[in-house]
Amino acid sequence: MRGSGTVPSMSRFECDKCGACCKGNLIVEADEIDVMREPRLIEADRHYAPLGVQKSIELLQTDIGRAVIISCGKACPFLRGDNLCSIHPTRPNVCVGFAAGDEQCQEARAAEGLPPLLPIE
């Protein structure tokens, strides 16, 4: 429905790589699977960084609900200057689940002063 501000739920979107989803006041939780896939995540958590990767993974495996926290005041520490993710192939599962054009995407774009992402025609 064009012009109504409502996007049909079955619309498909293509990410335009604006980086809005990785900016702003974000908190990203990464579990042991995420850290095993991308050990650099440890560096972004001030509590886990001094422990190193192996010890951090052991703690994450032994305490259900424990997570590496990537707190982003302005932007994710893994966001490059060109708005691309420096760890895209190995990014946390929560980042993988962030879909272009969904409600979170549109809210992030609005917060950055960007127009809504339009569906692919």
PDB file of N, CA and C in Angstrom:
ATOM      1  N   MET A   1       0.848  -1.165   0.000  1.00  0.00           N
ATOM      2  CA  MET A   1       0.000   0.000   0.000  1.00  0.00           C
ATOM      3  C   MET A   1       0.899   1.235   0.000  1.00  0.00           C
ATOM      4  N   ARG A   2       1.088   1.812  -1.087  1.00  0.00           N
ATOM      5  CA  ARG A   2       1.925   3.007  -1.193  1.00  0.00           C
ATOM      6  C   ARG A   2       1.186   4.222  -0.678  1.00  0.00           C
ATOM      7  N   GLY A   3       1.944   5.070  -0.009  1.00  0.00           N
ATOM      8  CA  GLY A   3       1.394   6.327   0.445  1.00  0.00           C
ATOM      9  C   GLY A   3       0.648   6.252   1.762  1.00  0.00           C
ATOM     10  N   SER A   4       0.304   5.052   2.216  1.00  0.00           N
ATOM     11  CA  SER A   4      -0.462   4.934   3.454  1.00  0.00           C
ATOM     12  C   SER A   4       0.442   4.829   4.672  1.00  0.00           C
ATOM     13  N   GLY A   5       1.736   4.628   4.456  1.00  0.00           N
ATOM     14  CA  GLY A   5       2.646   4.450   5.577  1.00  0.00           C
ATOM     15  C   GLY A   5       2.640   3.025   6.099  1.00  0.00           C
ATOM     16  N   THR A   6       1.782   2.186   5.562  1.00  0.00           N
ATOM     17  CA  THR A   6       1.698   0.800   5.974  1.00  0.00           C
ATOM     18  C   THR A   6       2.405  -0.067   4.947  1.00  0.00           C
ATOM     19  N   VAL A   7       3.250  -0.934   5.427  1.00  0.00           N
ATOM     20  CA  VAL A   7       3.982  -1.827   4.539  1.00  0.00           C
ATOM     21  C   VAL A   7       3.358  -3.207   4.639  1.00  0.00           C
ATOM     22  N   PRO A   8       2.956  -3.801   3.527  1.00  0.00           N
ATOM     23  CA  PRO A   8       2.371  -5.144   3.569  1.00  0.00           C
ATOM     24  C   PRO A   8       3.320  -6.132   4.230  1.00  0.00           C
ATOM     25  N   SER A   9       2.788  -7.037   5.036  1.00  0.00           N
ATOM     26  CA  SER A   9       3.616  -7.964   5.800  1.00  0.00           C
ATOM     27  C   SER A   9       4.390  -8.945   4.931  1.00  0.00           C
ATOM     28  N   MET A  10       3.949  -9.175   3.718  1.00  0.00           N
ATOM     29  CA  MET A  10       4.628 -10.129   2.854  1.00  0.00           C
ATOM     30  C   MET A  10       5.635  -9.445   1.930  1.00  0.00           C
ATOM     31  N   SER A  11       5.887  -8.165   2.136  1.00  0.00           N
ATOM     32  CA  SER A  11       6.835  -7.446   1.299  1.00  0.00           C
ATOM     33  C   SER A  11       8.250  -7.955   1.531  1.00  0.00           C
ATOM     34  N   ARG A  12       9.050  -7.854   0.509  1.00  0.00           N
ATOM     35  CA  ARG A  12      10.466  -8.206   0.606  1.00  0.00           C
ATOM     36  C   ARG A  12      11.276  -6.927   0.556  1.00  0.00           C
ATOM     37  N   PHE A  13      12.318  -6.897   1.328  1.00  0.00           N
ATOM     38  CA  PHE A  13      13.179  -5.728   1.399  1.00  0.00           C
ATOM     39  C   PHE A  13      14.611  -6.153   1.123  1.00  0.00           C
ATOM     40  N   GLU A  14      15.377  -5.224   0.603  1.00  0.00           N
ATOM     41  CA  GLU A  14      16.799  -5.455   0.423  1.00  0.00           C
ATOM     42  C   GLU A  14      17.545  -4.412   1.243  1.00  0.00           C
ATOM     43  N   CYS A  15      18.459  -4.862   2.058  1.00  0.00           N
ATOM     44  CA  CYS A  15      19.242  -3.967   2.901  1.00  0.00           C
ATOM     45  C   CYS A  15      20.025  -3.000   2.017  1.00  0.00           C
ATOM     46  N   ASP A  16      19.966  -1.709   2.366  1.00  0.00           N
ATOM     47  CA  ASP A  16      20.736  -0.722   1.599  1.00  0.00           C
ATOM     48  C   ASP A  16      22.046  -0.348   2.288  1.00  0.00           C
ATOM     49  N   LYS A  17      22.382  -1.120   3.342  1.00  0.00           N
ATOM     50  CA  LYS A  17      23.659  -0.978   4.052  1.00  0.00           C
ATOM     51  C   LYS A  17      23.850   0.418   4.646  1.00  0.00           C
ATOM     52  N   CYS A  18      22.769   0.967   5.218  1.00  0.00           N
ATOM     53  CA  CYS A  18      22.830   2.292   5.835  1.00  0.00           C
ATOM     54  C   CYS A  18      23.533   2.253   7.187  1.00  0.00           C
ATOM     55  N   GLY A  19      23.563   1.097   7.848  1.00  0.00           N
ATOM     56  CA  GLY A  19      24.219   0.956   9.137  1.00  0.00           C
ATOM     57  C   GLY A  19      23.382   1.400  10.321  1.00  0.00           C
ATOM     58  N   ALA A  20      22.161   1.852  10.089  1.00  0.00           N
ATOM     59  CA  ALA A  20      21.317   2.352  11.181  1.00  0.00           C
ATOM     60  C   ALA A  20      21.065   1.282  12.241  1.00  0.00           C
ATOM     61  N   CYS A  21      20.972   0.044  11.846  1.00  0.00           N
ATOM     62  CA  CYS A  21      20.710  -1.046  12.797  1.00  0.00           C
ATOM     63  C   CYS A  21      21.869  -1.247  13.764  1.00  0.00           C
ATOM     64  N   CYS A  22      23.032  -0.731  13.424  1.00  0.00           N
ATOM     65  CA  CYS A  22      24.230  -0.897  14.245  1.00  0.00           C
ATOM     66  C   CYS A  22      24.630   0.388  14.957  1.00  0.00           C
ATOM     67  N   LYS A  23      23.749   1.364  14.922  1.00  0.00           N
ATOM     68  CA  LYS A  23      24.025   2.654  15.555  1.00  0.00           C
ATOM     69  C   LYS A  23      23.012   2.917  16.647  1.00  0.00           C
ATOM     70  N   GLY A  24      23.314   3.887  17.467  1.00  0.00           N
ATOM     71  CA  GLY A  24      22.397   4.262  18.530  1.00  0.00           C
ATOM     72  C   GLY A  24      22.726   3.544  19.823  1.00  0.00           C
ATOM     73  N   ASN A  25      21.825   3.616  20.751  1.00  0.00           N
ATOM     74  CA  ASN A  25      22.015   3.031  22.076  1.00  0.00           C
ATOM     75  C   ASN A  25      21.633   1.556  22.039  1.00  0.00           C
ATOM     76  N   LEU A  26      22.557   0.712  21.621  1.00  0.00           N
ATOM     77  CA  LEU A  26      22.296  -0.719  21.448  1.00  0.00           C
ATOM     78  C   LEU A  26      22.913  -1.549  22.561  1.00  0.00           C
ATOM     79  N   ILE A  27      22.274  -2.649  22.851  1.00  0.00           N
ATOM     80  CA  ILE A  27      22.861  -3.672  23.710  1.00  0.00           C
ATOM     81  C   ILE A  27      22.699  -4.988  22.962  1.00  0.00           C
ATOM     82  N   VAL A  28      23.811  -5.589  22.616  1.00  0.00           N
ATOM     83  CA  VAL A  28      23.810  -6.857  21.885  1.00  0.00           C
ATOM     84  C   VAL A  28      24.305  -7.946  22.822  1.00  0.00           C
ATOM     85  N   GLU A  29      23.515  -9.007  22.955  1.00  0.00           N
ATOM     86  CA  GLU A  29      23.912 -10.153  23.771  1.00  0.00           C
ATOM     87  C   GLU A  29      24.440 -11.255  22.870  1.00  0.00           C
ATOM     88  N   ALA A  30      25.592 -11.786  23.233  1.00  0.00           N
ATOM     89  CA  ALA A  30      26.204 -12.871  22.467  1.00  0.00           C
ATOM     90  C   ALA A  30      26.426 -14.059  23.397  1.00  0.00           C
ATOM     91  N   ASP A  31      26.021 -15.240  22.968  1.00  0.00           N
ATOM     92  CA  ASP A  31      26.203 -16.434  23.793  1.00  0.00           C
ATOM     93  C   ASP A  31      27.479 -17.170  23.395  1.00  0.00           C
ATOM     94  N   GLU A  32      27.697 -18.334  24.005  1.00  0.00           N
ATOM     95  CA  GLU A  32      28.959 -19.031  23.752  1.00  0.00           C
ATOM     96  C   GLU A  32      29.119 -19.469  22.301  1.00  0.00           C
ATOM     97  N   ILE A  33      28.024 -19.803  21.634  1.00  0.00           N
ATOM     98  CA  ILE A  33      28.105 -20.183  20.214  1.00  0.00           C
ATOM     99  C   ILE A  33      28.599 -18.997  19.390  1.00  0.00           C
ATOM    100  N   ASP A  34      28.068 -17.812  19.706  1.00  0.00           N
ATOM    101  CA  ASP A  34      28.506 -16.610  19.003  1.00  0.00           C
ATOM    102  C   ASP A  34      29.996 -16.357  19.225  1.00  0.00           C
ATOM    103  N   VAL A  35      30.436 -16.513  20.467  1.00  0.00           N
ATOM    104  CA  VAL A  35      31.847 -16.268  20.801  1.00  0.00           C
ATOM    105  C   VAL A  35      32.743 -17.330  20.183  1.00  0.00           C
ATOM    106  N   MET A  36      32.286 -18.559  20.128  1.00  0.00           N
ATOM    107  CA  MET A  36      33.084 -19.616  19.496  1.00  0.00           C
ATOM    108  C   MET A  36      33.263 -19.312  18.004  1.00  0.00           C
ATOM    109  N   ARG A  37      32.226 -18.771  17.393  1.00  0.00           N
ATOM    110  CA  ARG A  37      32.276 -18.424  15.973  1.00  0.00           C
ATOM    111  C   ARG A  37      33.083 -17.146  15.739  1.00  0.00           C
ATOM    112  N   GLU A  38      32.967 -16.190  16.689  1.00  0.00           N
ATOM    113  CA  GLU A  38      33.661 -14.906  16.540  1.00  0.00           C
ATOM    114  C   GLU A  38      34.291 -14.494  17.870  1.00  0.00           C
ATOM    115  N   PRO A  39      35.513 -14.975  18.132  1.00  0.00           N
ATOM    116  CA  PRO A  39      36.187 -14.693  19.405  1.00  0.00           C
ATOM    117  C   PRO A  39      36.408 -13.207  19.703  1.00  0.00           C
ATOM    118  N   ARG A  40      36.440 -12.355  18.669  1.00  0.00           N
ATOM    119  CA  ARG A  40      36.655 -10.924  18.902  1.00  0.00           C
ATOM    120  C   ARG A  40      35.510 -10.272  19.677  1.00  0.00           C
ATOM    121  N   LEU A  41      34.374 -10.955  19.792  1.00  0.00           N
ATOM    122  CA  LEU A  41      33.264 -10.417  20.581  1.00  0.00           C
ATOM    123  C   LEU A  41      33.671 -10.190  22.033  1.00  0.00           C
ATOM    124  N   ILE A  42      34.561 -11.035  22.534  1.00  0.00           N
ATOM    125  CA  ILE A  42      35.051 -10.919  23.911  1.00  0.00           C
ATOM    126  C   ILE A  42      35.666  -9.538  24.148  1.00  0.00           C
ATOM    127  N   GLU A  43      36.393  -9.035  23.171  1.00  0.00           N
ATOM    128  CA  GLU A  43      37.068  -7.745  23.302  1.00  0.00           C
ATOM    129  C   GLU A  43      36.100  -6.595  23.545  1.00  0.00           C
ATOM    130  N   ALA A  44      34.856  -6.744  23.149  1.00  0.00           N
ATOM    131  CA  ALA A  44      33.873  -5.676  23.268  1.00  0.00           C
ATOM    132  C   ALA A  44      33.169  -5.653  24.627  1.00  0.00           C
ATOM    133  N   ASP A  45      33.394  -6.656  25.450  1.00  0.00           N
ATOM    134  CA  ASP A  45      32.776  -6.713  26.781  1.00  0.00           C
ATOM    135  C   ASP A  45      33.856  -6.479  27.830  1.00  0.00           C
ATOM    136  N   ARG A  46      33.747  -5.387  28.557  1.00  0.00           N
ATOM    137  CA  ARG A  46      34.810  -5.020  29.503  1.00  0.00           C
ATOM    138  C   ARG A  46      34.965  -6.026  30.640  1.00  0.00           C
ATOM    139  N   HIS A  47      33.946  -6.834  30.905  1.00  0.00           N
ATOM    140  CA  HIS A  47      34.042  -7.835  31.967  1.00  0.00           C
ATOM    141  C   HIS A  47      34.738  -9.108  31.487  1.00  0.00           C
ATOM    142  N   TYR A  48      34.489  -9.487  30.252  1.00  0.00           N
ATOM    143  CA  TYR A  48      35.070 -10.711  29.707  1.00  0.00           C
ATOM    144  C   TYR A  48      36.442 -10.498  29.071  1.00  0.00           C
ATOM    145  N   ALA A  49      36.691  -9.337  28.528  1.00  0.00           N
ATOM    146  CA  ALA A  49      37.946  -9.078  27.807  1.00  0.00           C
ATOM    147  C   ALA A  49      39.191  -9.485  28.604  1.00  0.00           C
ATOM    148  N   PRO A  50      39.286  -9.149  29.901  1.00  0.00           N
ATOM    149  CA  PRO A  50      40.496  -9.531  30.644  1.00  0.00           C
ATOM    150  C   PRO A  50      40.647 -11.040  30.849  1.00  0.00           C
ATOM    151  N   LEU A  51      39.554 -11.791  30.715  1.00  0.00           N
ATOM    152  CA  LEU A  51      39.587 -13.234  30.955  1.00  0.00           C
ATOM    153  C   LEU A  51      40.122 -14.031  29.771  1.00  0.00           C
ATOM    154  N   GLY A  52      40.031 -13.463  28.596  1.00  0.00           N
ATOM    155  CA  GLY A  52      40.444 -14.184  27.400  1.00  0.00           C
ATOM    156  C   GLY A  52      39.314 -15.055  26.862  1.00  0.00           C
ATOM    157  N   VAL A  53      39.511 -15.547  25.685  1.00  0.00           N
ATOM    158  CA  VAL A  53      38.462 -16.283  24.979  1.00  0.00           C
ATOM    159  C   VAL A  53      38.125 -17.607  25.649  1.00  0.00           C
ATOM    160  N   GLN A  54      39.121 -18.442  25.929  1.00  0.00           N
ATOM    161  CA  GLN A  54      38.847 -19.779  26.464  1.00  0.00           C
ATOM    162  C   GLN A  54      38.104 -19.718  27.796  1.00  0.00           C
ATOM    163  N   LYS A  55      38.588 -18.907  28.737  1.00  0.00           N
ATOM    164  CA  LYS A  55      37.948 -18.780  30.045  1.00  0.00           C
ATOM    165  C   LYS A  55      36.533 -18.211  29.896  1.00  0.00           C
ATOM    166  N   SER A  56      36.370 -17.258  29.011  1.00  0.00           N
ATOM    167  CA  SER A  56      35.050 -16.665  28.785  1.00  0.00           C
ATOM    168  C   SER A  56      34.063 -17.695  28.251  1.00  0.00           C
ATOM    169  N   ILE A  57      34.510 -18.515  27.308  1.00  0.00           N
ATOM    170  CA  ILE A  57      33.638 -19.557  26.759  1.00  0.00           C
ATOM    171  C   ILE A  57      33.263 -20.554  27.852  1.00  0.00           C
ATOM    172  N   GLU A  58      34.206 -20.927  28.691  1.00  0.00           N
ATOM    173  CA  GLU A  58      33.921 -21.843  29.803  1.00  0.00           C
ATOM    174  C   GLU A  58      32.853 -21.254  30.722  1.00  0.00           C
ATOM    175  N   LEU A  59      32.970 -19.988  31.067  1.00  0.00           N
ATOM    176  CA  LEU A  59      31.968 -19.343  31.920  1.00  0.00           C
ATOM    177  C   LEU A  59      30.606 -19.291  31.241  1.00  0.00           C
ATOM    178  N   LEU A  60      30.597 -18.972  29.962  1.00  0.00           N
ATOM    179  CA  LEU A  60      29.343 -18.904  29.216  1.00  0.00           C
ATOM    180  C   LEU A  60      28.668 -20.268  29.145  1.00  0.00           C
ATOM    181  N   GLN A  61      29.444 -21.333  29.049  1.00  0.00           N
ATOM    182  CA  GLN A  61      28.887 -22.685  28.954  1.00  0.00           C
ATOM    183  C   GLN A  61      28.365 -23.196  30.285  1.00  0.00           C
ATOM    184  N   THR A  62      28.941 -22.744  31.386  1.00  0.00           N
ATOM    185  CA  THR A  62      28.555 -23.276  32.691  1.00  0.00           C
ATOM    186  C   THR A  62      27.423 -22.517  33.360  1.00  0.00           C
ATOM    187  N   ASP A  63      27.113 -21.327  32.892  1.00  0.00           N
ATOM    188  CA  ASP A  63      26.075 -20.523  33.530  1.00  0.00           C
ATOM    189  C   ASP A  63      25.016 -20.152  32.496  1.00  0.00           C
ATOM    190  N   ILE A  64      23.892 -20.880  32.515  1.00  0.00           N
ATOM    191  CA  ILE A  64      22.793 -20.619  31.578  1.00  0.00           C
ATOM    192  C   ILE A  64      22.313 -19.180  31.766  1.00  0.00           C
ATOM    193  N   GLY A  65      22.112 -18.493  30.688  1.00  0.00           N
ATOM    194  CA  GLY A  65      21.642 -17.123  30.739  1.00  0.00           C
ATOM    195  C   GLY A  65      22.756 -16.090  30.739  1.00  0.00           C
ATOM    196  N   ARG A  66      23.985 -16.535  30.919  1.00  0.00           N
ATOM    197  CA  ARG A  66      25.122 -15.615  30.894  1.00  0.00           C
ATOM    198  C   ARG A  66      25.407 -15.262  29.437  1.00  0.00           C
ATOM    199  N   ALA A  67      25.799 -14.019  29.196  1.00  0.00           N
ATOM    200  CA  ALA A  67      26.082 -13.590  27.831  1.00  0.00           C
ATOM    201  C   ALA A  67      27.161 -12.525  27.821  1.00  0.00           C
ATOM    202  N   VAL A  68      27.846 -12.444  26.712  1.00  0.00           N
ATOM    203  CA  VAL A  68      28.762 -11.343  26.464  1.00  0.00           C
ATOM    204  C   VAL A  68      27.878 -10.172  26.055  1.00  0.00           C
ATOM    205  N   ILE A  69      28.119  -9.029  26.656  1.00  0.00           N
ATOM    206  CA  ILE A  69      27.305  -7.852  26.369  1.00  0.00           C
ATOM    207  C   ILE A  69      28.137  -6.838  25.589  1.00  0.00           C
ATOM    208  N   ILE A  70      27.630  -6.498  24.428  1.00  0.00           N
ATOM    209  CA  ILE A  70      28.257  -5.458  23.621  1.00  0.00           C
ATOM    210  C   ILE A  70      27.353  -4.241  23.748  1.00  0.00           C
ATOM    211  N   SER A  71      27.786  -3.296  24.553  1.00  0.00           N
ATOM    212  CA  SER A  71      27.024  -2.080  24.793  1.00  0.00           C
ATOM    213  C   SER A  71      27.537  -1.004  23.859  1.00  0.00           C
ATOM    214  N   CYS A  72      26.641  -0.499  23.068  1.00  0.00           N
ATOM    215  CA  CYS A  72      27.033   0.466  22.050  1.00  0.00           C
ATOM    216  C   CYS A  72      26.363   1.811  22.347  1.00  0.00           C
ATOM    217  N   GLY A  73      27.148   2.777  22.757  1.00  0.00           N
ATOM    218  CA  GLY A  73      26.609   4.096  23.053  1.00  0.00           C
ATOM    219  C   GLY A  73      26.275   4.881  21.803  1.00  0.00           C
ATOM    220  N   LYS A  74      27.126   4.790  20.804  1.00  0.00           N
ATOM    221  CA  LYS A  74      26.895   5.521  19.558  1.00  0.00           C
ATOM    222  C   LYS A  74      26.824   4.584  18.361  1.00  0.00           C
ATOM    223  N   ALA A  75      27.663   3.571  18.372  1.00  0.00           N
ATOM    224  CA  ALA A  75      27.685   2.605  17.270  1.00  0.00           C
ATOM    225  C   ALA A  75      28.363   1.331  17.751  1.00  0.00           C
ATOM    226  N   CYS A  76      28.032   0.241  17.126  1.00  0.00           N
ATOM    227  CA  CYS A  76      28.669  -1.033  17.437  1.00  0.00           C
ATOM    228  C   CYS A  76      30.170  -0.903  17.180  1.00  0.00           C
ATOM    229  N   PRO A  77      30.989  -1.451  18.066  1.00  0.00           N
ATOM    230  CA  PRO A  77      32.435  -1.346  17.850  1.00  0.00           C
ATOM    231  C   PRO A  77      32.916  -2.090  16.602  1.00  0.00           C
ATOM    232  N   PHE A  78      32.073  -2.925  16.043  1.00  0.00           N
ATOM    233  CA  PHE A  78      32.449  -3.669  14.842  1.00  0.00           C
ATOM    234  C   PHE A  78      31.939  -3.019  13.555  1.00  0.00           C
ATOM    235  N   LEU A  79      31.276  -1.859  13.696  1.00  0.00           N
ATOM    236  CA  LEU A  79      30.790  -1.128  12.524  1.00  0.00           C
ATOM    237  C   LEU A  79      31.930  -0.294  11.956  1.00  0.00           C
ATOM    238  N   ARG A  80      32.216  -0.501  10.690  1.00  0.00           N
ATOM    239  CA  ARG A  80      33.292   0.250  10.034  1.00  0.00           C
ATOM    240  C   ARG A  80      32.783   1.627   9.599  1.00  0.00           C
ATOM    241  N   GLY A  81      33.693   2.488   9.203  1.00  0.00           N
ATOM    242  CA  GLY A  81      33.354   3.833   8.750  1.00  0.00           C
ATOM    243  C   GLY A  81      32.465   3.864   7.520  1.00  0.00           C
ATOM    244  N   ASP A  82      32.472   2.799   6.740  1.00  0.00           N
ATOM    245  CA  ASP A  82      31.633   2.732   5.542  1.00  0.00           C
ATOM    246  C   ASP A  82      30.269   2.104   5.838  1.00  0.00           C
ATOM    247  N   ASN A  83      29.913   1.999   7.123  1.00  0.00           N
ATOM    248  CA  ASN A  83      28.648   1.432   7.591  1.00  0.00           C
ATOM    249  C   ASN A  83      28.515  -0.071   7.360  1.00  0.00           C
ATOM    250  N   LEU A  84      29.610  -0.750   7.111  1.00  0.00           N
ATOM    251  CA  LEU A  84      29.568  -2.196   6.952  1.00  0.00           C
ATOM    252  C   LEU A  84      30.136  -2.858   8.202  1.00  0.00           C
ATOM    253  N   CYS A  85      29.645  -4.037   8.502  1.00  0.00           N
ATOM    254  CA  CYS A  85      30.068  -4.780   9.682  1.00  0.00           C
ATOM    255  C   CYS A  85      31.410  -5.459   9.413  1.00  0.00           C
ATOM    256  N   SER A  86      32.362  -5.228  10.310  1.00  0.00           N
ATOM    257  CA  SER A  86      33.684  -5.826  10.127  1.00  0.00           C
ATOM    258  C   SER A  86      33.709  -7.317  10.458  1.00  0.00           C
ATOM    259  N   ILE A  87      32.636  -7.824  11.091  1.00  0.00           N
ATOM    260  CA  ILE A  87      32.556  -9.257  11.408  1.00  0.00           C
ATOM    261  C   ILE A  87      31.297  -9.879  10.797  1.00  0.00           C
ATOM    262  N   HIS A  88      30.806  -9.314   9.716  1.00  0.00           N
ATOM    263  CA  HIS A  88      29.524  -9.738   9.134  1.00  0.00           C
ATOM    264  C   HIS A  88      29.372 -11.252   8.984  1.00  0.00           C
ATOM    265  N   PRO A  89      30.323 -11.980   8.434  1.00  0.00           N
ATOM    266  CA  PRO A  89      30.130 -13.421   8.265  1.00  0.00           C
ATOM    267  C   PRO A  89      30.015 -14.182   9.589  1.00  0.00           C
ATOM    268  N   THR A  90      30.553 -13.619  10.665  1.00  0.00           N
ATOM    269  CA  THR A  90      30.560 -14.309  11.955  1.00  0.00           C
ATOM    270  C   THR A  90      29.849 -13.500  13.043  1.00  0.00           C
ATOM    271  N   ARG A  91      28.992 -12.566  12.661  1.00  0.00           N
ATOM    272  CA  ARG A  91      28.287 -11.718  13.620  1.00  0.00           C
ATOM    273  C   ARG A  91      27.373 -12.550  14.512  1.00  0.00           C
ATOM    274  N   PRO A  92      27.002 -12.013  15.688  1.00  0.00           N
ATOM    275  CA  PRO A  92      26.127 -12.758  16.609  1.00  0.00           C
ATOM    276  C   PRO A  92      24.772 -13.100  15.986  1.00  0.00           C
ATOM    277  N   ASN A  93      24.165 -14.156  16.502  1.00  0.00           N
ATOM    278  CA  ASN A  93      22.869 -14.607  15.983  1.00  0.00           C
ATOM    279  C   ASN A  93      21.804 -13.518  16.059  1.00  0.00           C
ATOM    280  N   VAL A  94      21.843 -12.695  17.113  1.00  0.00           N
ATOM    281  CA  VAL A  94      20.849 -11.634  17.238  1.00  0.00           C
ATOM    282  C   VAL A  94      20.978 -10.653  16.073  1.00  0.00           C
ATOM    283  N   CYS A  95      22.170 -10.434  15.597  1.00  0.00           N
ATOM    284  CA  CYS A  95      22.388  -9.553  14.443  1.00  0.00           C
ATOM    285  C   CYS A  95      21.913 -10.228  13.156  1.00  0.00           C
ATOM    286  N   VAL A  96      22.139 -11.520  13.053  1.00  0.00           N
ATOM    287  CA  VAL A  96      21.685 -12.274  11.882  1.00  0.00           C
ATOM    288  C   VAL A  96      20.162 -12.179  11.774  1.00  0.00           C
ATOM    289  N   GLY A  97      19.486 -12.201  12.910  1.00  0.00           N
ATOM    290  CA  GLY A  97      18.024 -12.175  12.926  1.00  0.00           C
ATOM    291  C   GLY A  97      17.409 -10.816  12.645  1.00  0.00           C
ATOM    292  N   PHE A  98      18.210  -9.783  12.589  1.00  0.00           N
ATOM    293  CA  PHE A  98      17.710  -8.430  12.314  1.00  0.00           C
ATOM    294  C   PHE A  98      17.432  -8.349  10.826  1.00  0.00           C
ATOM    295  N   ALA A  99      16.178  -8.214  10.441  1.00  0.00           N
ATOM    296  CA  ALA A  99      15.796  -8.280   9.034  1.00  0.00           C
ATOM    297  C   ALA A  99      15.574  -6.898   8.424  1.00  0.00           C
ATOM    298  N   ALA A 100      16.085  -6.723   7.223  1.00  0.00           N
ATOM    299  CA  ALA A 100      15.865  -5.475   6.488  1.00  0.00           C
ATOM    300  C   ALA A 100      14.371  -5.228   6.333  1.00  0.00           C
ATOM    301  N   GLY A 101      13.953  -4.014   6.657  1.00  0.00           N
ATOM    302  CA  GLY A 101      12.560  -3.619   6.475  1.00  0.00           C
ATOM    303  C   GLY A 101      11.631  -3.953   7.612  1.00  0.00           C
ATOM    304  N   ASP A 102      12.097  -4.727   8.609  1.00  0.00           N
ATOM    305  CA  ASP A 102      11.188  -5.052   9.713  1.00  0.00           C
ATOM    306  C   ASP A 102      11.021  -3.828  10.621  1.00  0.00           C
ATOM    307  N   GLU A 103      10.210  -3.961  11.644  1.00  0.00           N
ATOM    308  CA  GLU A 103       9.898  -2.835  12.520  1.00  0.00           C
ATOM    309  C   GLU A 103      11.155  -2.238  13.159  1.00  0.00           C
ATOM    310  N   GLN A 104      12.059  -3.103  13.621  1.00  0.00           N
ATOM    311  CA  GLN A 104      13.301  -2.609  14.227  1.00  0.00           C
ATOM    312  C   GLN A 104      14.134  -1.842  13.213  1.00  0.00           C
ATOM    313  N   CYS A 105      14.208  -2.334  12.008  1.00  0.00           N
ATOM    314  CA  CYS A 105      14.954  -1.671  10.939  1.00  0.00           C
ATOM    315  C   CYS A 105      14.373  -0.282  10.688  1.00  0.00           C
ATOM    316  N   GLN A 106      13.074  -0.220  10.535  1.00  0.00           N
ATOM    317  CA  GLN A 106      12.432   1.061  10.229  1.00  0.00           C
ATOM    318  C   GLN A 106      12.607   2.045  11.379  1.00  0.00           C
ATOM    319  N   GLU A 107      12.530   1.560  12.625  1.00  0.00           N
ATOM    320  CA  GLU A 107      12.728   2.431  13.788  1.00  0.00           C
ATOM    321  C   GLU A 107      14.170   2.943  13.837  1.00  0.00           C
ATOM    322  N   ALA A 108      15.139   2.074  13.554  1.00  0.00           N
ATOM    323  CA  ALA A 108      16.545   2.477  13.551  1.00  0.00           C
ATOM    324  C   ALA A 108      16.808   3.515  12.473  1.00  0.00           C
ATOM    325  N   ARG A 109      16.219   3.317  11.311  1.00  0.00           N
ATOM    326  CA  ARG A 109      16.379   4.282  10.219  1.00  0.00           C
ATOM    327  C   ARG A 109      15.792   5.630  10.615  1.00  0.00           C
ATOM    328  N   ALA A 110      14.616   5.623  11.217  1.00  0.00           N
ATOM    329  CA  ALA A 110      13.972   6.874  11.637  1.00  0.00           C
ATOM    330  C   ALA A 110      14.833   7.595  12.674  1.00  0.00           C
ATOM    331  N   ALA A 111      15.401   6.837  13.612  1.00  0.00           N
ATOM    332  CA  ALA A 111      16.250   7.429  14.651  1.00  0.00           C
ATOM    333  C   ALA A 111      17.493   8.086  14.053  1.00  0.00           C
ATOM    334  N   GLU A 112      17.950   7.584  12.915  1.00  0.00           N
ATOM    335  CA  GLU A 112      19.116   8.146  12.237  1.00  0.00           C
ATOM    336  C   GLU A 112      18.728   9.217  11.222  1.00  0.00           C
ATOM    337  N   GLY A 113      17.424   9.521  11.134  1.00  0.00           N
ATOM    338  CA  GLY A 113      16.965  10.554  10.207  1.00  0.00           C
ATOM    339  C   GLY A 113      16.886  10.076   8.774  1.00  0.00           C
ATOM    340  N   LEU A 114      16.818   8.760   8.586  1.00  0.00           N
ATOM    341  CA  LEU A 114      16.734   8.190   7.233  1.00  0.00           C
ATOM    342  C   LEU A 114      15.291   7.888   6.871  1.00  0.00           C
ATOM    343  N   PRO A 115      14.961   7.927   5.593  1.00  0.00           N
ATOM    344  CA  PRO A 115      13.598   7.582   5.173  1.00  0.00           C
ATOM    345  C   PRO A 115      13.366   6.078   5.352  1.00  0.00           C
ATOM    346  N   PRO A 116      12.099   5.659   5.414  1.00  0.00           N
ATOM    347  CA  PRO A 116      11.813   4.223   5.532  1.00  0.00           C
ATOM    348  C   PRO A 116      12.387   3.445   4.358  1.00  0.00           C
ATOM    349  N   LEU A 117      12.777   2.212   4.641  1.00  0.00           N
ATOM    350  CA  LEU A 117      13.231   1.321   3.584  1.00  0.00           C
ATOM    351  C   LEU A 117      11.992   0.841   2.843  1.00  0.00           C
ATOM    352  N   LEU A 118      11.994   0.987   1.546  1.00  0.00           N
ATOM    353  CA  LEU A 118      10.833   0.601   0.758  1.00  0.00           C
ATOM    354  C   LEU A 118      10.964  -0.829   0.251  1.00  0.00           C
ATOM    355  N   PRO A 119       9.825  -1.505   0.102  1.00  0.00           N
ATOM    356  CA  PRO A 119       9.870  -2.896  -0.387  1.00  0.00           C
ATOM    357  C   PRO A 119      10.362  -2.963  -1.836  1.00  0.00           C
ATOM    358  N   ILE A 120      10.912  -4.105  -2.156  1.00  0.00           N
ATOM    359  CA  ILE A 120      11.337  -4.371  -3.533  1.00  0.00           C
ATOM    360  C   ILE A 120      10.086  -4.591  -4.365  1.00  0.00           C
ATOM    361  N   GLU A 121      10.062  -3.994  -5.515  1.00  0.00           N
ATOM    362  CA  GLU A 121       8.860  -4.152  -6.372  1.00  0.00           C
ATOM    363  C   GLU A 121       9.000  -5.344  -7.270  1.00  0.00           C
TER     364      GLU A 121
END
